[in-house]
Amino acid sequence: MALLENMRVFVRVVELGSLSAAGRSLRLSPAVVSHRLQSLEEHLNARLLNRTTRQVQFTEAGKVFFEHCLEVLEAAERAESSVGAIGGAPVGSLRVTAPLGFGRRILAPMVPRFHAAYPQVDLRLRLSDHLLDLLREATDVAIRMAPLKDSSFVARKIADLPRVLCAAPSYLERRGVPARPEDLLSHHCLLLRFPGSQQFQWTLNTPQGPMTLPVSGQFDADDGDVLTGWALAGEGIVLKPLWEVADHLRRGELRVVLPHCPPEPVTLAVLYPHRNLLPAKIRVFIDFFAEQARAALADSK
């Protein structure tokens, strides 16, 4: 067991880039972290890391050992979780990915409540507006606000979220208010852009049916909160889930554009690997998240 714990410390040091950061994450003093690394190196009779006051770097042996550590620790967690699934006790680490804005405002406040209900589950969040490769990133659960296309995972739909086009009054006074969907083609549209993103094409529900427009703009970013900030500053029109901008709309900081041709709603769903024996930690998290997310989104409208 000591060897396994020392491997966990080694992996965390590599992930966070320093002994002090790893210590804070694991609630260990830097001296304890250093001692565990030293014990591991003595056990292996090999130096794994070159350590300075500011950073750590792999040795050749450390790079090889790190990859094997990930496999060993993941196997240990699977073994632990499989026993928990049979006995009904949620245990182990749970890796969850979610979009940045949703993760900050909706998911993160749930984490302390979830931990209070299931203290033997360590929840590890990975927030990104990129669509991460769940298998490559060794992720247990993904929260998505996007079309669901990955058939290798089970998807549980939580809700359909309405979306709006909106802009600051200052922008609309300066550039004019779009009257038809086609007018967007001559406006500054603020785009969420990253590899695989489809948000440079906006699909609106018109009286004649869905219309997809190849919009463009001077600004784009891979962080949705940055786009909201630009919209508030009067830099363009943004496409957003209603819950995310509801407060700004109520305060008049943003105004809905083309309300008679709203964007298609986006599906909020939870994705997880298809398994015959679903670990208890995943099962209880999905149930907990579904209930809490619906309540939080209802309050934000």
C-alpha atoms as a PDB file:
ATOM      1  CA  MET A   1       0.000   0.000   0.000  1.00  0.00           C
ATOM      2  CA  ALA A   2       2.898   2.369   0.759  1.00  0.00           C
ATOM      3  CA  LEU A   3       4.234   1.821  -2.760  1.00  0.00           C
ATOM      4  CA  LEU A   4       0.837   2.665  -4.254  1.00  0.00           C
ATOM      5  CA  GLU A   5       0.586   5.855  -2.198  1.00  0.00           C
ATOM      6  CA  ASN A   6       4.109   6.868  -3.218  1.00  0.00           C
ATOM      7  CA  MET A   7       3.137   6.338  -6.856  1.00  0.00           C
ATOM      8  CA  ARG A   8       0.094   8.591  -6.372  1.00  0.00           C
ATOM      9  CA  VAL A   9       2.345  11.315  -4.949  1.00  0.00           C
ATOM     10  CA  PHE A  10       4.770  10.956  -7.873  1.00  0.00           C
ATOM     11  CA  VAL A  11       1.961  11.240 -10.437  1.00  0.00           C
ATOM     12  CA  ARG A  12       0.501  14.306  -8.723  1.00  0.00           C
ATOM     13  CA  VAL A  13       3.893  16.035  -8.638  1.00  0.00           C
ATOM     14  CA  VAL A  14       4.263  15.448 -12.369  1.00  0.00           C
ATOM     15  CA  GLU A  15       0.708  16.632 -13.125  1.00  0.00           C
ATOM     16  CA  LEU A  16       1.013  19.850 -11.098  1.00  0.00           C
ATOM     17  CA  GLY A  17       4.663  20.572 -11.806  1.00  0.00           C
ATOM     18  CA  SER A  18       5.924  21.122  -8.264  1.00  0.00           C
ATOM     19  CA  LEU A  19       6.222  19.453  -4.878  1.00  0.00           C
ATOM     20  CA  SER A  20       4.408  22.274  -3.075  1.00  0.00           C
ATOM     21  CA  ALA A  21       1.418  22.208  -5.459  1.00  0.00           C
ATOM     22  CA  ALA A  22       1.177  18.434  -5.157  1.00  0.00           C
ATOM     23  CA  GLY A  23       1.354  18.742  -1.387  1.00  0.00           C
ATOM     24  CA  ARG A  24      -1.518  21.236  -1.315  1.00  0.00           C
ATOM     25  CA  SER A  25      -3.596  18.988  -3.567  1.00  0.00           C
ATOM     26  CA  LEU A  26      -2.944  15.897  -1.439  1.00  0.00           C
ATOM     27  CA  ARG A  27      -2.977  17.778   1.889  1.00  0.00           C
ATOM     28  CA  LEU A  28       0.621  16.804   2.602  1.00  0.00           C
ATOM     29  CA  SER A  29       3.529  19.004   3.583  1.00  0.00           C
ATOM     30  CA  PRO A  30       6.304  19.524   0.996  1.00  0.00           C
ATOM     31  CA  ALA A  31       8.615  17.601   3.334  1.00  0.00           C
ATOM     32  CA  VAL A  32       6.312  14.565   3.273  1.00  0.00           C
ATOM     33  CA  VAL A  33       5.987  14.773  -0.508  1.00  0.00           C
ATOM     34  CA  SER A  34       9.773  14.917  -0.846  1.00  0.00           C
ATOM     35  CA  HIS A  35      10.177  11.964   1.523  1.00  0.00           C
ATOM     36  CA  ARG A  36       7.680   9.857  -0.432  1.00  0.00           C
ATOM     37  CA  LEU A  37       9.460  10.628  -3.707  1.00  0.00           C
ATOM     38  CA  GLN A  38      12.792   9.754  -2.169  1.00  0.00           C
ATOM     39  CA  SER A  39      11.399   6.463  -0.823  1.00  0.00           C
ATOM     40  CA  LEU A  40      10.024   5.631  -4.256  1.00  0.00           C
ATOM     41  CA  GLU A  41      13.358   6.352  -5.953  1.00  0.00           C
ATOM     42  CA  GLU A  42      15.200   4.253  -3.363  1.00  0.00           C
ATOM     43  CA  HIS A  43      12.766   1.396  -3.903  1.00  0.00           C
ATOM     44  CA  LEU A  44      13.327   1.550  -7.662  1.00  0.00           C
ATOM     45  CA  ASN A  45      17.028   2.366  -7.366  1.00  0.00           C
ATOM     46  CA  ALA A  46      16.513   5.053 -10.020  1.00  0.00           C
ATOM     47  CA  ARG A  47      16.124   8.820 -10.114  1.00  0.00           C
ATOM     48  CA  LEU A  48      12.676   9.752 -11.437  1.00  0.00           C
ATOM     49  CA  LEU A  49      12.705  13.564 -11.295  1.00  0.00           C
ATOM     50  CA  ASN A  50      15.251  16.340 -11.396  1.00  0.00           C
ATOM     51  CA  ARG A  51      13.977  18.796  -8.805  1.00  0.00           C
ATOM     52  CA  THR A  52      14.718  22.515  -8.439  1.00  0.00           C
ATOM     53  CA  THR A  53      13.085  25.140  -6.254  1.00  0.00           C
ATOM     54  CA  ARG A  54      10.714  26.124  -9.093  1.00  0.00           C
ATOM     55  CA  GLN A  55      10.047  23.054 -11.197  1.00  0.00           C
ATOM     56  CA  VAL A  56      10.480  19.341 -11.681  1.00  0.00           C
ATOM     57  CA  GLN A  57      11.571  17.575 -14.851  1.00  0.00           C
ATOM     58  CA  PHE A  58      11.385  13.938 -15.927  1.00  0.00           C
ATOM     59  CA  THR A  59      14.425  11.801 -16.105  1.00  0.00           C
ATOM     60  CA  GLU A  60      14.312   9.150 -18.814  1.00  0.00           C
ATOM     61  CA  ALA A  61      13.421   6.546 -16.193  1.00  0.00           C
ATOM     62  CA  GLY A  62      10.794   8.859 -14.699  1.00  0.00           C
ATOM     63  CA  LYS A  63       9.039   9.355 -18.027  1.00  0.00           C
ATOM     64  CA  VAL A  64       8.713   5.609 -18.578  1.00  0.00           C
ATOM     65  CA  PHE A  65       7.645   4.990 -14.982  1.00  0.00           C
ATOM     66  CA  PHE A  66       4.999   7.745 -15.105  1.00  0.00           C
ATOM     67  CA  GLU A  67       3.104   6.033 -17.925  1.00  0.00           C
ATOM     68  CA  HIS A  68       3.100   2.737 -16.047  1.00  0.00           C
ATOM     69  CA  CYS A  69       2.011   4.485 -12.845  1.00  0.00           C
ATOM     70  CA  LEU A  70      -1.076   5.819 -14.588  1.00  0.00           C
ATOM     71  CA  GLU A  71      -2.004   2.318 -15.716  1.00  0.00           C
ATOM     72  CA  VAL A  72      -1.425   0.831 -12.256  1.00  0.00           C
ATOM     73  CA  LEU A  73      -3.376   3.538 -10.421  1.00  0.00           C
ATOM     74  CA  GLU A  74      -6.259   3.364 -12.879  1.00  0.00           C
ATOM     75  CA  ALA A  75      -6.374  -0.436 -12.482  1.00  0.00           C
ATOM     76  CA  ALA A  76      -6.383  -0.053  -8.696  1.00  0.00           C
ATOM     77  CA  GLU A  77      -9.265   2.427  -8.884  1.00  0.00           C
ATOM     78  CA  ARG A  78     -11.231   0.103 -11.172  1.00  0.00           C
ATOM     79  CA  ALA A  79     -10.715  -2.776  -8.776  1.00  0.00           C
ATOM     80  CA  GLU A  80     -11.800  -0.634  -5.824  1.00  0.00           C
ATOM     81  CA  SER A  81     -14.832   0.685  -7.678  1.00  0.00           C
ATOM     82  CA  SER A  82     -15.920  -2.776  -8.855  1.00  0.00           C
ATOM     83  CA  VAL A  83     -16.101  -3.976  -5.262  1.00  0.00           C
ATOM     84  CA  GLY A  84     -18.030  -0.842  -4.346  1.00  0.00           C
ATOM     85  CA  ALA A  85     -20.438  -1.476  -7.207  1.00  0.00           C
ATOM     86  CA  ILE A  86     -21.176  -4.988  -5.987  1.00  0.00           C
ATOM     87  CA  GLY A  87     -21.551  -3.926  -2.365  1.00  0.00           C
ATOM     88  CA  GLY A  88     -23.376  -0.729  -3.207  1.00  0.00           C
ATOM     89  CA  ALA A  89     -20.773   1.521  -1.559  1.00  0.00           C
ATOM     90  CA  PRO A  90     -19.548   4.420  -3.754  1.00  0.00           C
ATOM     91  CA  VAL A  91     -15.757   4.676  -3.361  1.00  0.00           C
ATOM     92  CA  GLY A  92     -12.721   5.843  -5.309  1.00  0.00           C
ATOM     93  CA  SER A  93     -11.751   8.760  -7.537  1.00  0.00           C
ATOM     94  CA  LEU A  94     -14.301  10.102 -10.004  1.00  0.00           C
ATOM     95  CA  ARG A  95     -13.022  12.143 -12.952  1.00  0.00           C
ATOM     96  CA  VAL A  96     -15.641  14.504 -14.422  1.00  0.00           C
ATOM     97  CA  THR A  97     -15.288  16.908 -17.327  1.00  0.00           C
ATOM     98  CA  ALA A  98     -17.660  19.798 -18.076  1.00  0.00           C
ATOM     99  CA  PRO A  99     -17.777  23.059 -20.068  1.00  0.00           C
ATOM    100  CA  LEU A 100     -16.032  25.969 -18.354  1.00  0.00           C
ATOM    101  CA  GLY A 101     -18.970  28.273 -17.657  1.00  0.00           C
ATOM    102  CA  PHE A 102     -21.293  25.449 -16.670  1.00  0.00           C
ATOM    103  CA  GLY A 103     -18.613  23.927 -14.490  1.00  0.00           C
ATOM    104  CA  ARG A 104     -17.898  27.168 -12.658  1.00  0.00           C
ATOM    105  CA  ARG A 105     -21.470  28.262 -12.012  1.00  0.00           C
ATOM    106  CA  ILE A 106     -23.551  25.076 -11.878  1.00  0.00           C
ATOM    107  CA  LEU A 107     -21.300  22.083 -11.218  1.00  0.00           C
ATOM    108  CA  ALA A 108     -18.655  23.454  -8.831  1.00  0.00           C
ATOM    109  CA  PRO A 109     -21.180  24.496  -6.114  1.00  0.00           C
ATOM    110  CA  MET A 110     -22.501  20.903  -6.131  1.00  0.00           C
ATOM    111  CA  VAL A 111     -19.129  19.346  -5.287  1.00  0.00           C
ATOM    112  CA  PRO A 112     -19.157  20.021  -1.512  1.00  0.00           C
ATOM    113  CA  ARG A 113     -22.733  18.730  -1.271  1.00  0.00           C
ATOM    114  CA  PHE A 114     -21.840  15.601  -3.217  1.00  0.00           C
ATOM    115  CA  HIS A 115     -18.782  14.979  -1.035  1.00  0.00           C
ATOM    116  CA  ALA A 116     -20.893  15.400   2.103  1.00  0.00           C
ATOM    117  CA  ALA A 117     -23.293  12.757   0.810  1.00  0.00           C
ATOM    118  CA  TYR A 118     -20.556  10.404  -0.469  1.00  0.00           C
ATOM    119  CA  PRO A 119     -17.380  11.116   1.527  1.00  0.00           C
ATOM    120  CA  GLN A 120     -15.497   8.111   0.120  1.00  0.00           C
ATOM    121  CA  VAL A 121     -15.632   9.476  -3.442  1.00  0.00           C
ATOM    122  CA  ASP A 122     -12.923  11.946  -4.492  1.00  0.00           C
ATOM    123  CA  LEU A 123     -14.355  14.144  -7.255  1.00  0.00           C
ATOM    124  CA  ARG A 124     -11.801  15.521  -9.718  1.00  0.00           C
ATOM    125  CA  LEU A 125     -13.044  18.174 -12.167  1.00  0.00           C
ATOM    126  CA  ARG A 126     -11.584  18.930 -15.587  1.00  0.00           C
ATOM    127  CA  LEU A 127     -13.262  22.055 -16.972  1.00  0.00           C
ATOM    128  CA  SER A 128     -12.851  22.903 -20.647  1.00  0.00           C
ATOM    129  CA  ASP A 129     -14.960  24.205 -23.514  1.00  0.00           C
ATOM    130  CA  HIS A 130     -13.071  21.753 -25.763  1.00  0.00           C
ATOM    131  CA  LEU A 131     -14.704  18.386 -26.369  1.00  0.00           C
ATOM    132  CA  LEU A 132     -12.189  16.121 -24.668  1.00  0.00           C
ATOM    133  CA  ASP A 133     -11.461  12.558 -25.763  1.00  0.00           C
ATOM    134  CA  LEU A 134     -12.950  10.688 -22.813  1.00  0.00           C
ATOM    135  CA  LEU A 135     -10.973   7.500 -23.298  1.00  0.00           C
ATOM    136  CA  ARG A 136      -7.652   9.233 -23.873  1.00  0.00           C
ATOM    137  CA  GLU A 137      -8.231  11.526 -20.894  1.00  0.00           C
ATOM    138  CA  ALA A 138      -9.318   8.577 -18.685  1.00  0.00           C
ATOM    139  CA  THR A 139     -12.545  10.416 -17.809  1.00  0.00           C
ATOM    140  CA  ASP A 140     -15.394   8.657 -15.999  1.00  0.00           C
ATOM    141  CA  VAL A 141     -18.213  11.118 -16.725  1.00  0.00           C
ATOM    142  CA  ALA A 142     -18.606  13.950 -19.225  1.00  0.00           C
ATOM    143  CA  ILE A 143     -21.198  16.703 -18.955  1.00  0.00           C
ATOM    144  CA  ARG A 144     -21.977  17.988 -22.412  1.00  0.00           C
ATOM    145  CA  MET A 145     -24.004  20.835 -23.879  1.00  0.00           C
ATOM    146  CA  ALA A 146     -23.693  19.764 -27.490  1.00  0.00           C
ATOM    147  CA  PRO A 147     -25.178  17.380 -30.071  1.00  0.00           C
ATOM    148  CA  LEU A 148     -24.605  13.806 -28.903  1.00  0.00           C
ATOM    149  CA  LYS A 149     -22.748  11.785 -31.530  1.00  0.00           C
ATOM    150  CA  ASP A 150     -20.413   9.415 -29.670  1.00  0.00           C
ATOM    151  CA  SER A 151     -22.158   6.033 -29.777  1.00  0.00           C
ATOM    152  CA  SER A 152     -19.392   4.351 -27.746  1.00  0.00           C
ATOM    153  CA  PHE A 153     -20.772   6.038 -24.627  1.00  0.00           C
ATOM    154  CA  VAL A 154     -24.100   5.932 -22.868  1.00  0.00           C
ATOM    155  CA  ALA A 155     -25.868   9.319 -22.837  1.00  0.00           C
ATOM    156  CA  ARG A 156     -28.433  10.315 -20.237  1.00  0.00           C
ATOM    157  CA  LYS A 157     -30.354  13.411 -21.247  1.00  0.00           C
ATOM    158  CA  ILE A 158     -30.901  15.925 -18.462  1.00  0.00           C
ATOM    159  CA  ALA A 159     -32.716  18.775 -20.252  1.00  0.00           C
ATOM    160  CA  ASP A 160     -33.087  20.771 -23.452  1.00  0.00           C
ATOM    161  CA  LEU A 161     -31.676  24.231 -22.791  1.00  0.00           C
ATOM    162  CA  PRO A 162     -33.087  27.206 -24.746  1.00  0.00           C
ATOM    163  CA  ARG A 163     -30.519  29.548 -26.285  1.00  0.00           C
ATOM    164  CA  VAL A 164     -30.635  33.178 -27.359  1.00  0.00           C
ATOM    165  CA  LEU A 165     -28.759  35.614 -29.547  1.00  0.00           C
ATOM    166  CA  CYS A 166     -27.975  38.766 -27.612  1.00  0.00           C
ATOM    167  CA  ALA A 167     -25.882  41.926 -27.679  1.00  0.00           C
ATOM    168  CA  ALA A 168     -25.264  45.005 -25.599  1.00  0.00           C
ATOM    169  CA  PRO A 169     -27.513  48.049 -26.249  1.00  0.00           C
ATOM    170  CA  SER A 170     -24.402  50.065 -27.182  1.00  0.00           C
ATOM    171  CA  TYR A 171     -23.551  47.632 -29.978  1.00  0.00           C
ATOM    172  CA  LEU A 172     -27.111  47.630 -31.347  1.00  0.00           C
ATOM    173  CA  GLU A 173     -27.254  51.427 -31.296  1.00  0.00           C
ATOM    174  CA  ARG A 174     -23.961  51.593 -33.186  1.00  0.00           C
ATOM    175  CA  ARG A 175     -24.509  48.806 -35.736  1.00  0.00           C
ATOM    176  CA  GLY A 176     -28.296  48.514 -35.910  1.00  0.00           C
ATOM    177  CA  VAL A 177     -30.703  45.792 -34.786  1.00  0.00           C
ATOM    178  CA  PRO A 178     -30.884  42.731 -37.095  1.00  0.00           C
ATOM    179  CA  ALA A 179     -34.409  42.319 -38.483  1.00  0.00           C
ATOM    180  CA  ARG A 180     -33.884  39.061 -40.399  1.00  0.00           C
ATOM    181  CA  PRO A 181     -31.566  36.084 -39.829  1.00  0.00           C
ATOM    182  CA  GLU A 182     -29.636  37.022 -42.987  1.00  0.00           C
ATOM    183  CA  ASP A 183     -28.716  40.351 -41.388  1.00  0.00           C
ATOM    184  CA  LEU A 184     -26.344  38.475 -39.069  1.00  0.00           C
ATOM    185  CA  LEU A 185     -23.996  37.960 -42.012  1.00  0.00           C
ATOM    186  CA  SER A 186     -23.054  41.664 -41.900  1.00  0.00           C
ATOM    187  CA  HIS A 187     -22.663  41.832 -38.097  1.00  0.00           C
ATOM    188  CA  HIS A 188     -19.784  41.095 -35.740  1.00  0.00           C
ATOM    189  CA  CYS A 189     -20.599  37.664 -34.320  1.00  0.00           C
ATOM    190  CA  LEU A 190     -18.606  36.446 -31.323  1.00  0.00           C
ATOM    191  CA  LEU A 191     -17.602  32.835 -31.935  1.00  0.00           C
ATOM    192  CA  LEU A 192     -16.597  29.959 -29.723  1.00  0.00           C
ATOM    193  CA  ARG A 193     -13.838  28.399 -31.802  1.00  0.00           C
ATOM    194  CA  PHE A 194     -11.643  25.374 -31.151  1.00  0.00           C
ATOM    195  CA  PRO A 195     -10.867  22.170 -33.090  1.00  0.00           C
ATOM    196  CA  GLY A 196     -14.170  20.446 -33.776  1.00  0.00           C
ATOM    197  CA  SER A 197     -16.340  23.420 -32.795  1.00  0.00           C
ATOM    198  CA  GLN A 198     -19.446  24.008 -34.930  1.00  0.00           C
ATOM    199  CA  GLN A 199     -20.419  27.369 -33.466  1.00  0.00           C
ATOM    200  CA  PHE A 200     -19.204  29.341 -36.475  1.00  0.00           C
ATOM    201  CA  GLN A 201     -22.473  28.094 -38.029  1.00  0.00           C
ATOM    202  CA  TRP A 202     -25.596  29.271 -36.230  1.00  0.00           C
ATOM    203  CA  THR A 203     -28.886  27.439 -36.852  1.00  0.00           C
ATOM    204  CA  LEU A 204     -32.034  29.474 -36.157  1.00  0.00           C
ATOM    205  CA  ASN A 205     -35.637  28.292 -36.031  1.00  0.00           C
ATOM    206  CA  THR A 206     -37.486  30.455 -38.556  1.00  0.00           C
ATOM    207  CA  PRO A 207     -41.149  30.335 -39.655  1.00  0.00           C
ATOM    208  CA  GLN A 208     -39.893  28.594 -42.820  1.00  0.00           C
ATOM    209  CA  GLY A 209     -37.894  26.000 -40.852  1.00  0.00           C
ATOM    210  CA  PRO A 210     -34.306  25.757 -39.570  1.00  0.00           C
ATOM    211  CA  MET A 211     -31.820  28.099 -41.244  1.00  0.00           C
ATOM    212  CA  THR A 212     -28.057  27.657 -40.872  1.00  0.00           C
ATOM    213  CA  LEU A 213     -25.915  30.743 -41.338  1.00  0.00           C
ATOM    214  CA  PRO A 214     -22.094  30.826 -41.783  1.00  0.00           C
ATOM    215  CA  VAL A 215     -21.590  33.769 -39.441  1.00  0.00           C
ATOM    216  CA  SER A 216     -18.251  35.471 -38.881  1.00  0.00           C
ATOM    217  CA  GLY A 217     -16.687  38.112 -36.709  1.00  0.00           C
ATOM    218  CA  GLN A 218     -13.484  39.823 -35.711  1.00  0.00           C
ATOM    219  CA  PHE A 219     -13.198  38.088 -32.323  1.00  0.00           C
ATOM    220  CA  ASP A 220     -13.260  34.418 -31.377  1.00  0.00           C
ATOM    221  CA  ALA A 221     -12.096  32.475 -28.314  1.00  0.00           C
ATOM    222  CA  ASP A 222     -12.136  28.971 -26.859  1.00  0.00           C
ATOM    223  CA  ASP A 223     -13.652  30.186 -23.559  1.00  0.00           C
ATOM    224  CA  GLY A 224     -17.368  31.004 -23.512  1.00  0.00           C
ATOM    225  CA  ASP A 225     -17.016  33.458 -20.616  1.00  0.00           C
ATOM    226  CA  VAL A 226     -14.640  35.551 -22.722  1.00  0.00           C
ATOM    227  CA  LEU A 227     -17.353  35.842 -25.373  1.00  0.00           C
ATOM    228  CA  THR A 228     -19.868  37.007 -22.766  1.00  0.00           C
ATOM    229  CA  GLY A 229     -17.415  39.658 -21.607  1.00  0.00           C
ATOM    230  CA  TRP A 230     -16.950  40.918 -25.156  1.00  0.00           C
ATOM    231  CA  ALA A 231     -20.717  41.046 -25.689  1.00  0.00           C
ATOM    232  CA  LEU A 232     -21.170  43.076 -22.494  1.00  0.00           C
ATOM    233  CA  ALA A 233     -18.467  45.451 -23.732  1.00  0.00           C
ATOM    234  CA  GLY A 234     -20.449  46.084 -26.935  1.00  0.00           C
ATOM    235  CA  GLU A 235     -18.177  44.157 -29.289  1.00  0.00           C
ATOM    236  CA  GLY A 236     -20.744  41.992 -31.048  1.00  0.00           C
ATOM    237  CA  ILE A 237     -23.592  39.458 -30.990  1.00  0.00           C
ATOM    238  CA  VAL A 238     -23.181  36.259 -29.015  1.00  0.00           C
ATOM    239  CA  LEU A 239     -25.026  32.909 -29.006  1.00  0.00           C
ATOM    240  CA  LYS A 240     -25.611  31.717 -25.438  1.00  0.00           C
ATOM    241  CA  PRO A 241     -27.726  29.313 -23.365  1.00  0.00           C
ATOM    242  CA  LEU A 242     -30.467  31.404 -21.757  1.00  0.00           C
ATOM    243  CA  TRP A 243     -29.507  30.396 -18.201  1.00  0.00           C
ATOM    244  CA  GLU A 244     -26.014  31.779 -18.736  1.00  0.00           C
ATOM    245  CA  VAL A 245     -27.102  35.324 -19.665  1.00  0.00           C
ATOM    246  CA  ALA A 246     -30.480  35.560 -17.895  1.00  0.00           C
ATOM    247  CA  ASP A 247     -29.188  37.964 -15.226  1.00  0.00           C
ATOM    248  CA  HIS A 248     -27.607  40.239 -17.847  1.00  0.00           C
ATOM    249  CA  LEU A 249     -30.885  40.305 -19.789  1.00  0.00           C
ATOM    250  CA  ARG A 250     -32.913  41.140 -16.669  1.00  0.00           C
ATOM    251  CA  ARG A 251     -30.567  44.035 -15.847  1.00  0.00           C
ATOM    252  CA  GLY A 252     -30.693  45.351 -19.424  1.00  0.00           C
ATOM    253  CA  GLU A 253     -26.968  44.815 -19.959  1.00  0.00           C
ATOM    254  CA  LEU A 254     -27.793  42.595 -22.937  1.00  0.00           C
ATOM    255  CA  ARG A 255     -30.803  42.512 -25.275  1.00  0.00           C
ATOM    256  CA  VAL A 256     -32.196  39.530 -27.168  1.00  0.00           C
ATOM    257  CA  VAL A 257     -31.641  39.696 -30.924  1.00  0.00           C
ATOM    258  CA  LEU A 258     -34.108  38.127 -33.393  1.00  0.00           C
ATOM    259  CA  PRO A 259     -36.483  36.815 -30.710  1.00  0.00           C
ATOM    260  CA  HIS A 260     -38.860  35.546 -33.403  1.00  0.00           C
ATOM    261  CA  CYS A 261     -36.075  33.297 -34.811  1.00  0.00           C
ATOM    262  CA  PRO A 262     -34.410  31.756 -31.769  1.00  0.00           C
ATOM    263  CA  PRO A 263     -31.387  29.436 -32.039  1.00  0.00           C
ATOM    264  CA  GLU A 264     -31.994  25.729 -31.717  1.00  0.00           C
ATOM    265  CA  PRO A 265     -31.845  24.565 -28.083  1.00  0.00           C
ATOM    266  CA  VAL A 266     -28.853  22.580 -26.887  1.00  0.00           C
ATOM    267  CA  THR A 267     -29.061  19.272 -25.047  1.00  0.00           C
ATOM    268  CA  LEU A 268     -27.563  18.965 -21.582  1.00  0.00           C
ATOM    269  CA  ALA A 269     -26.533  15.362 -21.065  1.00  0.00           C
ATOM    270  CA  VAL A 270     -24.235  13.129 -19.069  1.00  0.00           C
ATOM    271  CA  LEU A 271     -21.993  10.707 -20.968  1.00  0.00           C
ATOM    272  CA  TYR A 272     -20.311   7.702 -19.409  1.00  0.00           C
ATOM    273  CA  PRO A 273     -18.681   4.490 -20.651  1.00  0.00           C
ATOM    274  CA  HIS A 274     -21.002   1.601 -21.404  1.00  0.00           C
ATOM    275  CA  ARG A 275     -20.396  -1.038 -18.748  1.00  0.00           C
ATOM    276  CA  ASN A 276     -22.454  -4.023 -17.659  1.00  0.00           C
ATOM    277  CA  LEU A 277     -21.419  -3.385 -14.069  1.00  0.00           C
ATOM    278  CA  LEU A 278     -21.584   0.380 -13.595  1.00  0.00           C
ATOM    279  CA  PRO A 279     -19.425   1.477 -10.640  1.00  0.00           C
ATOM    280  CA  ALA A 280     -21.486   2.839  -7.778  1.00  0.00           C
ATOM    281  CA  LYS A 281     -19.508   6.103  -7.774  1.00  0.00           C
ATOM    282  CA  ILE A 282     -20.692   6.846 -11.343  1.00  0.00           C
ATOM    283  CA  ARG A 283     -24.269   5.771 -10.719  1.00  0.00           C
ATOM    284  CA  VAL A 284     -24.763   7.935  -7.624  1.00  0.00           C
ATOM    285  CA  PHE A 285     -23.036  10.930  -9.231  1.00  0.00           C
ATOM    286  CA  ILE A 286     -25.281  10.839 -12.299  1.00  0.00           C
ATOM    287  CA  ASP A 287     -28.434  10.646 -10.178  1.00  0.00           C
ATOM    288  CA  PHE A 288     -27.181  13.414  -7.881  1.00  0.00           C
ATOM    289  CA  PHE A 289     -26.155  15.641 -10.781  1.00  0.00           C
ATOM    290  CA  ALA A 290     -29.443  15.226 -12.661  1.00  0.00           C
ATOM    291  CA  GLU A 291     -31.500  16.350  -9.666  1.00  0.00           C
ATOM    292  CA  GLN A 292     -29.207  19.204  -8.665  1.00  0.00           C
ATOM    293  CA  ALA A 293     -28.682  20.507 -12.217  1.00  0.00           C
ATOM    294  CA  ARG A 294     -32.400  20.701 -12.983  1.00  0.00           C
ATOM    295  CA  ALA A 295     -32.985  22.648  -9.766  1.00  0.00           C
ATOM    296  CA  ALA A 296     -30.060  25.027 -10.391  1.00  0.00           C
ATOM    297  CA  LEU A 297     -31.077  25.707 -13.996  1.00  0.00           C
ATOM    298  CA  ALA A 298     -34.692  26.343 -12.961  1.00  0.00           C
ATOM    299  CA  ASP A 299     -33.484  28.947 -10.449  1.00  0.00           C
ATOM    300  CA  SER A 300     -31.292  30.668 -13.059  1.00  0.00           C
ATOM    301  CA  LYS A 301     -34.065  31.366 -15.590  1.00  0.00           C
END
